[in-house]
C-alpha atoms as a PDB file:
ATOM      1  CA  UNK A   1      22.853  -8.884  -0.906  1.00  0.00           C
ATOM      2  CA  UNK A   2      25.727  -9.111   1.590  1.00  0.00           C
ATOM      3  CA  UNK A   3      28.500 -11.735   1.725  1.00  0.00           C
ATOM      4  CA  UNK A   4      26.819 -13.219   4.768  1.00  0.00           C
ATOM      5  CA  UNK A   5      23.648 -13.863   2.756  1.00  0.00           C
ATOM      6  CA  UNK A   6      25.618 -15.615   0.022  1.00  0.00           C
ATOM      7  CA  UNK A   7      27.656 -17.879   2.303  1.00  0.00           C
ATOM      8  CA  UNK A   8      24.877 -18.812   4.748  1.00  0.00           C
ATOM      9  CA  UNK A   9      22.052 -19.002   2.272  1.00  0.00           C
ATOM     10  CA  UNK A  10      18.882 -17.225   3.272  1.00  0.00           C
ATOM     11  CA  UNK A  11      18.800 -15.283   6.516  1.00  0.00           C
ATOM     12  CA  UNK A  12      15.744 -15.254   8.725  1.00  0.00           C
ATOM     13  CA  UNK A  13      13.893 -12.024   9.244  1.00  0.00           C
ATOM     14  CA  UNK A  14      14.844 -11.987  12.934  1.00  0.00           C
ATOM     15  CA  UNK A  15      18.539 -12.375  12.139  1.00  0.00           C
ATOM     16  CA  UNK A  16      18.441  -9.681   9.491  1.00  0.00           C
ATOM     17  CA  UNK A  17      16.485  -7.311  11.752  1.00  0.00           C
ATOM     18  CA  UNK A  18      18.919  -7.864  14.619  1.00  0.00           C
ATOM     19  CA  UNK A  19      21.830  -7.090  12.278  1.00  0.00           C
ATOM     20  CA  UNK A  20      20.186  -3.883  11.093  1.00  0.00           C
ATOM     21  CA  UNK A  21      19.486  -2.759  14.667  1.00  0.00           C
ATOM     22  CA  UNK A  22      23.071  -3.477  15.708  1.00  0.00           C
ATOM     23  CA  UNK A  23      24.475  -1.615  12.718  1.00  0.00           C
ATOM     24  CA  UNK A  24      22.194   1.335  13.419  1.00  0.00           C
ATOM     25  CA  UNK A  25      23.144   1.457  17.092  1.00  0.00           C
ATOM     26  CA  UNK A  26      26.819   1.428  16.121  1.00  0.00           C
ATOM     27  CA  UNK A  27      26.393   4.462  13.871  1.00  0.00           C
ATOM     28  CA  UNK A  28      26.336   7.887  15.398  1.00  0.00           C
ATOM     29  CA  UNK A  29      23.225   9.699  14.281  1.00  0.00           C
ATOM     30  CA  UNK A  30      23.056  13.466  14.101  1.00  0.00           C
ATOM     31  CA  UNK A  31      20.663  16.062  12.806  1.00  0.00           C
ATOM     32  CA  UNK A  32      21.798  18.984  10.713  1.00  0.00           C
ATOM     33  CA  UNK A  33      19.585  22.007  10.397  1.00  0.00           C
ATOM     34  CA  UNK A  34      19.940  24.203   7.363  1.00  0.00           C
ATOM     35  CA  UNK A  35      20.327  27.865   8.170  1.00  0.00           C
ATOM     36  CA  UNK A  36      21.336  31.137   6.620  1.00  0.00           C
ATOM     37  CA  UNK A  37      24.723  32.626   7.234  1.00  0.00           C
ATOM     38  CA  UNK A  38      25.051  35.376   9.838  1.00  0.00           C
ATOM     39  CA  UNK A  39      23.665  38.001   7.450  1.00  0.00           C
ATOM     40  CA  UNK A  40      20.659  38.746   9.650  1.00  0.00           C
ATOM     41  CA  UNK A  41      18.157  36.485   7.880  1.00  0.00           C
ATOM     42  CA  UNK A  42      18.178  33.769  10.480  1.00  0.00           C
ATOM     43  CA  UNK A  43      21.019  31.546  11.479  1.00  0.00           C
ATOM     44  CA  UNK A  44      20.422  31.513  15.202  1.00  0.00           C
ATOM     45  CA  UNK A  45      20.127  35.180  16.062  1.00  0.00           C
ATOM     46  CA  UNK A  46      18.297  36.026  19.253  1.00  0.00           C
ATOM     47  CA  UNK A  47      15.856  38.431  17.606  1.00  0.00           C
ATOM     48  CA  UNK A  48      12.213  37.434  17.772  1.00  0.00           C
ATOM     49  CA  UNK A  49       9.367  38.819  15.688  1.00  0.00           C
ATOM     50  CA  UNK A  50       5.939  39.773  16.916  1.00  0.00           C
ATOM     51  CA  UNK A  51       2.891  37.990  15.630  1.00  0.00           C
ATOM     52  CA  UNK A  52       0.105  40.456  15.071  1.00  0.00           C
ATOM     53  CA  UNK A  53      -3.416  39.404  14.130  1.00  0.00           C
ATOM     54  CA  UNK A  54      -6.216  41.844  13.501  1.00  0.00           C
ATOM     55  CA  UNK A  55      -9.869  41.132  14.177  1.00  0.00           C
ATOM     56  CA  UNK A  56     -10.588  41.458  10.454  1.00  0.00           C
ATOM     57  CA  UNK A  57      -8.089  38.639   9.757  1.00  0.00           C
ATOM     58  CA  UNK A  58      -9.804  36.374  12.264  1.00  0.00           C
ATOM     59  CA  UNK A  59     -13.216  37.261  10.864  1.00  0.00           C
ATOM     60  CA  UNK A  60     -12.062  36.422   7.336  1.00  0.00           C
ATOM     61  CA  UNK A  61     -10.748  33.027   8.478  1.00  0.00           C
ATOM     62  CA  UNK A  62     -13.985  32.299  10.330  1.00  0.00           C
ATOM     63  CA  UNK A  63     -16.049  33.304   7.305  1.00  0.00           C
ATOM     64  CA  UNK A  64     -13.995  31.066   5.008  1.00  0.00           C
ATOM     65  CA  UNK A  65     -14.367  28.140   7.417  1.00  0.00           C
ATOM     66  CA  UNK A  66     -18.132  28.649   7.613  1.00  0.00           C
ATOM     67  CA  UNK A  67     -18.433  28.767   3.805  1.00  0.00           C
ATOM     68  CA  UNK A  68     -16.334  25.627   3.491  1.00  0.00           C
ATOM     69  CA  UNK A  69     -18.540  23.791   5.974  1.00  0.00           C
ATOM     70  CA  UNK A  70     -21.662  24.879   4.122  1.00  0.00           C
ATOM     71  CA  UNK A  71     -20.182  23.757   0.797  1.00  0.00           C
ATOM     72  CA  UNK A  72     -19.148  20.382   2.181  1.00  0.00           C
ATOM     73  CA  UNK A  73     -22.649  19.849   3.514  1.00  0.00           C
ATOM     74  CA  UNK A  74     -24.244  20.727   0.166  1.00  0.00           C
ATOM     75  CA  UNK A  75     -21.829  18.620  -1.858  1.00  0.00           C
ATOM     76  CA  UNK A  76     -22.176  15.749   0.606  1.00  0.00           C
ATOM     77  CA  UNK A  77     -25.955  15.819   0.260  1.00  0.00           C
ATOM     78  CA  UNK A  78     -25.636  15.684  -3.524  1.00  0.00           C
ATOM     79  CA  UNK A  79     -23.223  12.756  -3.311  1.00  0.00           C
ATOM     80  CA  UNK A  80     -25.565  10.964  -0.907  1.00  0.00           C
ATOM     81  CA  UNK A  81     -28.494  11.331  -3.300  1.00  0.00           C
ATOM     82  CA  UNK A  82     -26.412  10.047  -6.227  1.00  0.00           C
ATOM     83  CA  UNK A  83     -25.170   7.092  -4.199  1.00  0.00           C
ATOM     84  CA  UNK A  84     -28.692   6.178  -3.113  1.00  0.00           C
ATOM     85  CA  UNK A  85     -29.900   6.407  -6.711  1.00  0.00           C
ATOM     86  CA  UNK A  86     -27.046   4.204  -7.949  1.00  0.00           C
ATOM     87  CA  UNK A  87     -27.687   1.698  -5.178  1.00  0.00           C
ATOM     88  CA  UNK A  88     -31.369   1.420  -6.033  1.00  0.00           C
ATOM     89  CA  UNK A  89     -30.618   1.076  -9.768  1.00  0.00           C
ATOM     90  CA  UNK A  90     -28.139  -1.766  -9.158  1.00  0.00           C
ATOM     91  CA  UNK A  91     -30.009  -3.467  -6.331  1.00  0.00           C
ATOM     92  CA  UNK A  92     -31.477  -6.257  -8.430  1.00  0.00           C
ATOM     93  CA  UNK A  93     -28.582  -6.959 -10.777  1.00  0.00           C
ATOM     94  CA  UNK A  94     -25.444  -6.404  -8.726  1.00  0.00           C
ATOM     95  CA  UNK A  95     -24.313  -7.268  -5.194  1.00  0.00           C
ATOM     96  CA  UNK A  96     -22.871  -3.759  -4.962  1.00  0.00           C
ATOM     97  CA  UNK A  97     -26.338  -2.174  -5.098  1.00  0.00           C
ATOM     98  CA  UNK A  98     -27.432  -2.983  -1.527  1.00  0.00           C
ATOM     99  CA  UNK A  99     -23.975  -2.017  -0.220  1.00  0.00           C
ATOM    100  CA  UNK A 100     -24.248   1.408  -1.870  1.00  0.00           C
ATOM    101  CA  UNK A 101     -27.752   1.904  -0.492  1.00  0.00           C
ATOM    102  CA  UNK A 102     -26.565   0.978   3.006  1.00  0.00           C
ATOM    103  CA  UNK A 103     -23.540   3.283   2.732  1.00  0.00           C
ATOM    104  CA  UNK A 104     -25.718   6.197   1.613  1.00  0.00           C
ATOM    105  CA  UNK A 105     -27.887   5.782   4.715  1.00  0.00           C
ATOM    106  CA  UNK A 106     -24.886   6.165   7.046  1.00  0.00           C
END
């Protein structure tokens, strides 16, 4: 709490926000990037690497993506069935039952 808050009592949000903005504008902001020293590992040298991708790399990524999609579909179907079952079981006794059944249909 600042001295201003103590002497004036509570400060409105607008007053406090305006004070923060003014204080921020008065400060000089700068960004510092971490880098290695000039030992050749970085640090702003003008050397650029070459990105090389083989067809086998791309095929492996595509295969992994396809398997992931298949797995998500299978797991999603199992979750849908469980949600529908839970919704039907709770339909008469709990308000949540119809909501679960509706969600499983979506």
